């Protein structure tokens, strides 16, 4: 069994990585806003397996291409590697992801938005849909775990 590779970063290194990612994604016309979430922005975490990024794609058809998010992730990994950071990147297109997942993403750190109104509407919509489904999901999740 393979060992899980983890990375330790100083606050300065984390800030540099976040700045690089923000600059790269913000420069792309096909991305309206982006979040970084997960362990890299969790103050309780002292090690990292990857960098989790959620992007809102401007073009839904392009976003649905099978390797759209993978290509963006590879581009960012190349840039990070050239700066001395060999940490993997996991990109998800949040406007085609399920609400339970996206709710986790929007708890992270907003890197930028090019359209405040669209971003605000998206966050409100996700929050409302999450609040509708979360009680049902939690009920069945808890029920399933009690049966074990």
N, C-alpha and C. Protein backbone atom coordinates (compact mmCIF):
# COMPACT_ATOMS: atom_id res chain seq x y z
N UNK A 1 0.84 -1.18 0.00
CA UNK A 1 0.00 0.00 0.00
C UNK A 1 0.88 1.24 0.00
N UNK A 2 0.54 2.22 -0.83
CA UNK A 2 1.33 3.44 -0.93
C UNK A 2 1.09 4.33 0.27
N UNK A 3 2.16 4.98 0.70
CA UNK A 3 2.03 5.96 1.77
C UNK A 3 1.41 7.23 1.21
N UNK A 4 0.64 7.90 2.05
CA UNK A 4 0.06 9.17 1.64
C UNK A 4 1.12 10.24 1.80
N UNK A 5 1.36 10.98 0.74
CA UNK A 5 2.35 12.05 0.77
C UNK A 5 1.71 13.30 1.35
N UNK A 6 2.37 13.89 2.34
CA UNK A 6 1.88 15.13 2.93
C UNK A 6 2.97 16.20 2.82
N UNK A 7 2.54 17.44 2.92
CA UNK A 7 3.44 18.58 2.79
C UNK A 7 3.26 19.48 4.00
N UNK A 8 4.35 20.06 4.45
CA UNK A 8 4.31 21.07 5.50
C UNK A 8 4.73 22.38 4.86
N UNK A 9 4.00 23.44 5.17
CA UNK A 9 4.29 24.75 4.60
C UNK A 9 4.28 25.79 5.70
N UNK A 10 5.16 26.77 5.58
CA UNK A 10 5.12 27.91 6.48
C UNK A 10 3.97 28.83 6.06
N UNK A 11 3.60 29.74 6.92
CA UNK A 11 2.55 30.71 6.56
C UNK A 11 2.97 31.52 5.34
N UNK A 12 4.24 31.86 5.27
CA UNK A 12 4.76 32.62 4.13
C UNK A 12 4.64 31.81 2.84
N UNK A 13 4.95 30.53 2.90
CA UNK A 13 4.82 29.68 1.72
C UNK A 13 3.36 29.53 1.31
N UNK A 14 2.48 29.35 2.29
CA UNK A 14 1.05 29.25 1.98
C UNK A 14 0.57 30.54 1.30
N UNK A 15 0.97 31.68 1.85
CA UNK A 15 0.57 32.96 1.26
C UNK A 15 1.07 33.09 -0.18
N UNK A 16 2.31 32.65 -0.42
CA UNK A 16 2.87 32.73 -1.77
C UNK A 16 2.09 31.82 -2.73
N UNK A 17 1.79 30.61 -2.29
CA UNK A 17 1.03 29.67 -3.12
C UNK A 17 -0.34 30.25 -3.45
N UNK A 18 -1.03 30.77 -2.45
CA UNK A 18 -2.35 31.35 -2.67
C UNK A 18 -2.27 32.52 -3.63
N UNK A 19 -1.25 33.35 -3.49
CA UNK A 19 -1.07 34.50 -4.39
C UNK A 19 -0.84 34.04 -5.84
N UNK A 20 -0.03 33.01 -6.02
CA UNK A 20 0.24 32.47 -7.36
C UNK A 20 -1.06 31.94 -7.98
N UNK A 21 -1.80 31.17 -7.21
CA UNK A 21 -3.05 30.58 -7.71
C UNK A 21 -4.05 31.68 -8.06
N UNK A 22 -4.20 32.65 -7.18
CA UNK A 22 -5.13 33.76 -7.43
C UNK A 22 -4.76 34.48 -8.72
N UNK A 23 -3.49 34.80 -8.88
CA UNK A 23 -3.04 35.51 -10.07
C UNK A 23 -3.31 34.71 -11.34
N UNK A 24 -3.01 33.42 -11.31
CA UNK A 24 -3.22 32.57 -12.49
C UNK A 24 -4.70 32.45 -12.84
N UNK A 25 -5.54 32.20 -11.86
CA UNK A 25 -6.96 32.00 -12.13
C UNK A 25 -7.66 33.30 -12.50
N UNK A 26 -7.29 34.37 -11.83
CA UNK A 26 -7.92 35.67 -12.10
C UNK A 26 -7.59 36.15 -13.51
N UNK A 27 -6.45 35.73 -14.03
CA UNK A 27 -6.05 36.12 -15.38
C UNK A 27 -6.76 35.35 -16.48
N UNK A 28 -7.51 34.35 -16.12
CA UNK A 28 -8.23 33.54 -17.11
C UNK A 28 -9.62 34.12 -17.33
N UNK A 29 -9.96 34.37 -18.59
CA UNK A 29 -11.27 34.93 -18.91
C UNK A 29 -12.41 33.95 -18.64
N UNK A 30 -12.12 32.66 -18.62
CA UNK A 30 -13.17 31.65 -18.48
C UNK A 30 -13.54 31.37 -17.02
N UNK A 31 -12.93 32.06 -16.07
CA UNK A 31 -13.24 31.85 -14.65
C UNK A 31 -13.78 33.14 -14.06
N UNK A 32 -14.99 33.07 -13.48
CA UNK A 32 -15.66 34.26 -12.94
C UNK A 32 -15.25 34.50 -11.49
N UNK A 33 -15.22 33.44 -10.70
CA UNK A 33 -14.71 33.56 -9.33
C UNK A 33 -14.14 32.22 -8.89
N UNK A 34 -13.35 32.27 -7.83
CA UNK A 34 -12.68 31.05 -7.37
C UNK A 34 -12.52 31.06 -5.86
N UNK A 35 -12.56 29.85 -5.32
CA UNK A 35 -12.34 29.62 -3.89
C UNK A 35 -11.16 28.69 -3.70
N UNK A 36 -10.48 28.87 -2.60
CA UNK A 36 -9.55 27.86 -2.13
C UNK A 36 -10.14 27.36 -0.82
N UNK A 37 -10.17 26.06 -0.65
CA UNK A 37 -10.82 25.48 0.52
C UNK A 37 -10.05 24.25 0.96
N UNK A 38 -10.49 23.66 2.03
CA UNK A 38 -9.83 22.45 2.50
C UNK A 38 -8.67 22.77 3.43
N UNK A 39 -7.74 21.83 3.49
CA UNK A 39 -6.68 21.89 4.50
C UNK A 39 -5.79 23.12 4.40
N UNK A 40 -5.54 23.63 3.21
CA UNK A 40 -4.62 24.77 3.08
C UNK A 40 -5.14 26.02 3.78
N UNK A 41 -6.43 26.18 3.88
CA UNK A 41 -6.99 27.36 4.54
C UNK A 41 -7.62 27.02 5.90
N UNK A 42 -7.41 25.81 6.36
CA UNK A 42 -7.91 25.41 7.67
C UNK A 42 -6.82 25.67 8.71
N UNK A 43 -7.05 26.62 9.63
CA UNK A 43 -6.00 26.96 10.60
C UNK A 43 -5.62 25.80 11.53
N UNK A 44 -6.48 24.80 11.62
CA UNK A 44 -6.20 23.64 12.49
C UNK A 44 -5.23 22.65 11.84
N UNK A 45 -5.09 22.73 10.52
CA UNK A 45 -4.26 21.76 9.80
C UNK A 45 -2.79 22.19 9.81
N UNK A 46 -1.92 21.21 10.01
CA UNK A 46 -0.48 21.49 10.01
C UNK A 46 0.23 20.80 8.85
N UNK A 47 -0.51 20.01 8.09
CA UNK A 47 0.06 19.35 6.91
C UNK A 47 -1.01 19.32 5.82
N UNK A 48 -0.57 19.11 4.58
CA UNK A 48 -1.46 19.20 3.43
C UNK A 48 -1.16 18.08 2.47
N UNK A 49 -2.21 17.52 1.86
CA UNK A 49 -2.03 16.50 0.82
C UNK A 49 -2.13 17.11 -0.56
N UNK A 50 -2.97 18.13 -0.68
CA UNK A 50 -3.16 18.79 -1.97
C UNK A 50 -3.76 20.16 -1.72
N UNK A 51 -3.97 20.88 -2.80
CA UNK A 51 -4.60 22.19 -2.74
C UNK A 51 -5.96 22.06 -3.42
N UNK A 52 -7.01 22.37 -2.68
CA UNK A 52 -8.37 22.26 -3.19
C UNK A 52 -8.86 23.62 -3.67
N UNK A 53 -9.32 23.65 -4.92
CA UNK A 53 -9.77 24.90 -5.54
C UNK A 53 -11.12 24.66 -6.19
N UNK A 54 -12.04 25.57 -5.96
CA UNK A 54 -13.34 25.55 -6.62
C UNK A 54 -13.44 26.75 -7.54
N UNK A 55 -13.79 26.52 -8.80
CA UNK A 55 -13.92 27.62 -9.76
C UNK A 55 -15.34 27.67 -10.32
N UNK A 56 -15.78 28.88 -10.62
CA UNK A 56 -17.06 29.09 -11.29
C UNK A 56 -16.72 29.43 -12.74
N UNK A 57 -17.08 28.54 -13.65
CA UNK A 57 -16.74 28.71 -15.06
C UNK A 57 -17.76 29.60 -15.77
N UNK A 58 -17.26 30.48 -16.60
CA UNK A 58 -18.12 31.39 -17.36
C UNK A 58 -18.87 30.64 -18.46
N UNK A 59 -18.25 29.64 -19.04
CA UNK A 59 -18.81 28.90 -20.17
C UNK A 59 -19.15 27.48 -19.72
N UNK A 60 -20.44 27.21 -19.54
CA UNK A 60 -20.88 25.90 -19.05
C UNK A 60 -20.50 24.76 -19.99
N UNK A 61 -20.59 25.00 -21.29
CA UNK A 61 -20.24 23.93 -22.24
C UNK A 61 -18.76 23.58 -22.14
N UNK A 62 -17.93 24.59 -22.05
CA UNK A 62 -16.50 24.36 -21.90
C UNK A 62 -16.20 23.65 -20.57
N UNK A 63 -16.91 24.06 -19.52
CA UNK A 63 -16.70 23.47 -18.19
C UNK A 63 -17.07 21.99 -18.16
N UNK A 64 -17.99 21.58 -19.01
CA UNK A 64 -18.44 20.19 -19.03
C UNK A 64 -17.51 19.28 -19.83
N UNK A 65 -16.53 19.86 -20.52
CA UNK A 65 -15.56 19.03 -21.23
C UNK A 65 -14.86 18.14 -20.21
N UNK A 66 -14.63 16.92 -20.57
CA UNK A 66 -14.14 15.92 -19.62
C UNK A 66 -12.84 16.29 -18.93
N UNK A 67 -11.98 17.07 -19.54
CA UNK A 67 -10.69 17.37 -18.92
C UNK A 67 -10.48 18.85 -18.62
N UNK A 68 -11.55 19.64 -18.65
CA UNK A 68 -11.44 21.09 -18.42
C UNK A 68 -10.76 21.39 -17.09
N UNK A 69 -11.27 20.84 -16.00
CA UNK A 69 -10.71 21.11 -14.68
C UNK A 69 -9.31 20.51 -14.53
N UNK A 70 -9.08 19.37 -15.14
CA UNK A 70 -7.77 18.73 -15.06
C UNK A 70 -6.71 19.59 -15.73
N UNK A 71 -7.03 20.14 -16.91
CA UNK A 71 -6.07 21.01 -17.62
C UNK A 71 -5.70 22.22 -16.78
N UNK A 72 -6.70 22.84 -16.16
CA UNK A 72 -6.42 24.01 -15.32
C UNK A 72 -5.54 23.60 -14.14
N UNK A 73 -5.85 22.47 -13.53
CA UNK A 73 -5.04 21.98 -12.41
C UNK A 73 -3.60 21.73 -12.82
N UNK A 74 -3.41 21.13 -13.98
CA UNK A 74 -2.05 20.86 -14.47
C UNK A 74 -1.31 22.16 -14.72
N UNK A 75 -1.98 23.15 -15.30
CA UNK A 75 -1.35 24.46 -15.53
C UNK A 75 -0.87 25.06 -14.21
N UNK A 76 -1.71 25.01 -13.19
CA UNK A 76 -1.34 25.58 -11.90
C UNK A 76 -0.21 24.78 -11.26
N UNK A 77 -0.27 23.46 -11.35
CA UNK A 77 0.80 22.63 -10.80
C UNK A 77 2.15 22.96 -11.45
N UNK A 78 2.16 23.19 -12.76
CA UNK A 78 3.40 23.54 -13.46
C UNK A 78 3.96 24.85 -12.93
N UNK A 79 3.08 25.84 -12.76
CA UNK A 79 3.52 27.14 -12.25
C UNK A 79 4.05 27.00 -10.83
N UNK A 80 3.33 26.27 -9.99
CA UNK A 80 3.78 26.08 -8.61
C UNK A 80 5.12 25.35 -8.56
N UNK A 81 5.27 24.32 -9.41
CA UNK A 81 6.53 23.58 -9.46
C UNK A 81 7.69 24.50 -9.86
N UNK A 82 7.42 25.41 -10.80
CA UNK A 82 8.48 26.33 -11.23
C UNK A 82 8.88 27.29 -10.10
N UNK A 83 8.00 27.43 -9.11
CA UNK A 83 8.28 28.28 -7.95
C UNK A 83 8.78 27.46 -6.76
N UNK A 84 8.99 26.15 -6.98
CA UNK A 84 9.54 25.30 -5.93
C UNK A 84 8.52 24.56 -5.08
N UNK A 85 7.25 24.58 -5.50
CA UNK A 85 6.20 23.89 -4.74
C UNK A 85 5.66 22.72 -5.56
N UNK A 86 5.92 21.51 -5.13
CA UNK A 86 5.47 20.33 -5.87
C UNK A 86 4.20 19.72 -5.32
N UNK A 87 3.30 20.53 -4.86
CA UNK A 87 2.08 20.04 -4.22
C UNK A 87 0.96 19.86 -5.26
N UNK A 88 0.24 18.75 -5.23
CA UNK A 88 -0.84 18.53 -6.21
C UNK A 88 -2.00 19.52 -6.03
N UNK A 89 -2.72 19.73 -7.13
CA UNK A 89 -3.86 20.65 -7.14
C UNK A 89 -5.10 19.87 -7.58
N UNK A 90 -6.19 20.08 -6.85
CA UNK A 90 -7.47 19.46 -7.19
C UNK A 90 -8.47 20.57 -7.48
N UNK A 91 -8.91 20.66 -8.74
CA UNK A 91 -9.84 21.71 -9.17
C UNK A 91 -11.22 21.10 -9.38
N UNK A 92 -12.24 21.80 -8.92
CA UNK A 92 -13.62 21.41 -9.16
C UNK A 92 -14.38 22.61 -9.72
N UNK A 93 -15.20 22.35 -10.72
CA UNK A 93 -16.06 23.39 -11.29
C UNK A 93 -17.32 23.41 -10.43
N UNK A 94 -17.51 24.48 -9.68
CA UNK A 94 -18.59 24.48 -8.69
C UNK A 94 -19.96 24.75 -9.27
N UNK A 95 -20.04 25.34 -10.45
CA UNK A 95 -21.37 25.55 -11.01
C UNK A 95 -21.91 24.32 -11.74
N UNK A 96 -21.18 23.21 -11.68
CA UNK A 96 -21.72 21.93 -12.16
C UNK A 96 -21.51 20.83 -11.12
N UNK A 97 -21.37 21.23 -9.86
CA UNK A 97 -21.17 20.27 -8.77
C UNK A 97 -22.40 20.24 -7.87
N UNK A 98 -22.52 19.17 -7.08
CA UNK A 98 -23.69 19.04 -6.22
C UNK A 98 -23.63 20.02 -5.04
N UNK A 99 -24.80 20.36 -4.53
CA UNK A 99 -24.93 21.41 -3.52
C UNK A 99 -24.22 21.05 -2.22
N UNK A 100 -24.22 19.79 -1.82
CA UNK A 100 -23.53 19.41 -0.59
C UNK A 100 -22.03 19.67 -0.70
N UNK A 101 -21.48 19.37 -1.85
CA UNK A 101 -20.06 19.62 -2.08
C UNK A 101 -19.77 21.12 -2.15
N UNK A 102 -20.58 21.84 -2.91
CA UNK A 102 -20.35 23.27 -3.11
C UNK A 102 -20.49 24.03 -1.80
N UNK A 103 -21.39 23.59 -0.94
CA UNK A 103 -21.52 24.25 0.36
C UNK A 103 -20.21 24.19 1.12
N UNK A 104 -19.51 23.06 1.02
CA UNK A 104 -18.20 22.93 1.66
C UNK A 104 -17.20 23.91 1.03
N UNK A 105 -17.26 24.04 -0.28
CA UNK A 105 -16.34 24.93 -0.99
C UNK A 105 -16.52 26.38 -0.54
N UNK A 106 -17.77 26.84 -0.47
CA UNK A 106 -18.00 28.25 -0.14
C UNK A 106 -17.72 28.57 1.33
N UNK A 107 -17.42 27.55 2.12
CA UNK A 107 -16.96 27.80 3.49
C UNK A 107 -15.47 28.17 3.48
N UNK A 108 -14.83 27.99 2.35
CA UNK A 108 -13.41 28.29 2.22
C UNK A 108 -13.16 29.77 2.03
N UNK A 109 -12.07 30.07 1.35
CA UNK A 109 -11.63 31.46 1.16
C UNK A 109 -11.86 31.87 -0.30
N UNK A 110 -12.64 32.93 -0.48
CA UNK A 110 -12.85 33.47 -1.82
C UNK A 110 -11.55 34.12 -2.28
N UNK A 111 -11.04 33.67 -3.41
CA UNK A 111 -9.80 34.24 -3.94
C UNK A 111 -10.06 35.55 -4.68
N UNK A 112 -11.12 35.55 -5.48
CA UNK A 112 -11.48 36.75 -6.25
C UNK A 112 -12.86 36.53 -6.85
N UNK A 113 -13.48 37.61 -7.26
CA UNK A 113 -14.68 37.54 -8.08
C UNK A 113 -14.64 38.67 -9.09
N UNK A 114 -15.04 38.37 -10.30
CA UNK A 114 -15.13 39.37 -11.35
C UNK A 114 -16.55 39.89 -11.50
N UNK A 115 -17.49 39.27 -10.79
CA UNK A 115 -18.91 39.66 -10.87
C UNK A 115 -19.54 39.48 -9.49
N UNK A 116 -19.55 40.56 -8.73
CA UNK A 116 -20.05 40.51 -7.34
C UNK A 116 -21.50 40.02 -7.27
N UNK A 117 -22.34 40.48 -8.19
CA UNK A 117 -23.75 40.10 -8.16
C UNK A 117 -23.93 38.61 -8.43
N UNK A 118 -23.25 38.10 -9.44
CA UNK A 118 -23.33 36.67 -9.75
C UNK A 118 -22.83 35.84 -8.57
N UNK A 119 -21.70 36.25 -8.00
CA UNK A 119 -21.14 35.53 -6.86
C UNK A 119 -22.12 35.52 -5.68
N UNK A 120 -22.67 36.69 -5.34
CA UNK A 120 -23.60 36.79 -4.22
C UNK A 120 -24.84 35.93 -4.47
N UNK A 121 -25.38 36.00 -5.68
CA UNK A 121 -26.56 35.18 -6.02
C UNK A 121 -26.24 33.69 -5.90
N UNK A 122 -25.06 33.30 -6.35
CA UNK A 122 -24.65 31.90 -6.29
C UNK A 122 -24.55 31.42 -4.84
N UNK A 123 -23.92 32.22 -4.00
CA UNK A 123 -23.76 31.85 -2.59
C UNK A 123 -25.12 31.74 -1.90
N UNK A 124 -26.01 32.69 -2.17
CA UNK A 124 -27.35 32.64 -1.58
C UNK A 124 -28.10 31.40 -2.06
N UNK A 125 -28.04 31.13 -3.36
CA UNK A 125 -28.72 29.96 -3.93
C UNK A 125 -28.20 28.66 -3.32
N UNK A 126 -26.89 28.53 -3.24
CA UNK A 126 -26.30 27.32 -2.67
C UNK A 126 -26.70 27.18 -1.20
N UNK A 127 -26.65 28.27 -0.47
CA UNK A 127 -27.01 28.23 0.95
C UNK A 127 -28.46 27.82 1.15
N UNK A 128 -29.34 28.37 0.34
CA UNK A 128 -30.77 28.03 0.46
C UNK A 128 -31.01 26.56 0.10
N UNK A 129 -30.40 26.10 -1.00
CA UNK A 129 -30.58 24.71 -1.40
C UNK A 129 -29.97 23.76 -0.38
N UNK A 130 -28.84 24.14 0.17
CA UNK A 130 -28.20 23.32 1.20
C UNK A 130 -29.10 23.23 2.44
N UNK A 131 -29.65 24.35 2.86
CA UNK A 131 -30.53 24.36 4.04
C UNK A 131 -31.79 23.53 3.81
N UNK A 132 -32.23 23.43 2.55
CA UNK A 132 -33.38 22.59 2.22
C UNK A 132 -33.05 21.10 2.32
N UNK A 133 -31.88 20.73 1.85
CA UNK A 133 -31.54 19.31 1.75
C UNK A 133 -30.76 18.77 2.95
N UNK A 134 -30.03 19.62 3.65
CA UNK A 134 -29.15 19.15 4.73
C UNK A 134 -29.88 18.36 5.81
N UNK A 135 -31.05 18.81 6.30
CA UNK A 135 -31.72 18.01 7.34
C UNK A 135 -32.06 16.59 6.88
N UNK A 136 -32.52 16.46 5.65
CA UNK A 136 -32.86 15.14 5.11
C UNK A 136 -31.59 14.30 4.96
N UNK A 137 -30.57 14.90 4.39
CA UNK A 137 -29.30 14.19 4.21
C UNK A 137 -28.74 13.74 5.55
N UNK A 138 -28.71 14.65 6.52
CA UNK A 138 -28.17 14.31 7.85
C UNK A 138 -28.97 13.21 8.52
N UNK A 139 -30.30 13.25 8.37
CA UNK A 139 -31.15 12.22 8.96
C UNK A 139 -30.77 10.84 8.41
N UNK A 140 -30.70 10.72 7.09
CA UNK A 140 -30.39 9.43 6.49
C UNK A 140 -28.94 9.02 6.72
N UNK A 141 -28.06 9.98 6.75
CA UNK A 141 -26.65 9.70 7.04
C UNK A 141 -26.52 9.13 8.45
N UNK A 142 -27.13 9.80 9.41
CA UNK A 142 -27.08 9.33 10.80
C UNK A 142 -27.77 7.97 10.96
N UNK A 143 -28.89 7.79 10.27
CA UNK A 143 -29.61 6.52 10.33
C UNK A 143 -28.74 5.38 9.79
N UNK A 144 -28.06 5.64 8.71
CA UNK A 144 -27.19 4.62 8.10
C UNK A 144 -26.05 4.24 9.04
N UNK A 145 -25.50 5.22 9.73
CA UNK A 145 -24.39 4.93 10.65
C UNK A 145 -24.85 4.24 11.92
N UNK A 146 -26.08 4.47 12.33
CA UNK A 146 -26.59 3.80 13.52
C UNK A 146 -26.85 2.32 13.28
N UNK A 147 -27.11 1.97 12.02
CA UNK A 147 -27.40 0.58 11.67
C UNK A 147 -26.15 -0.28 11.65
N UNK A 148 -24.99 0.31 11.62
CA UNK A 148 -23.74 -0.46 11.53
C UNK A 148 -23.36 -1.06 12.85
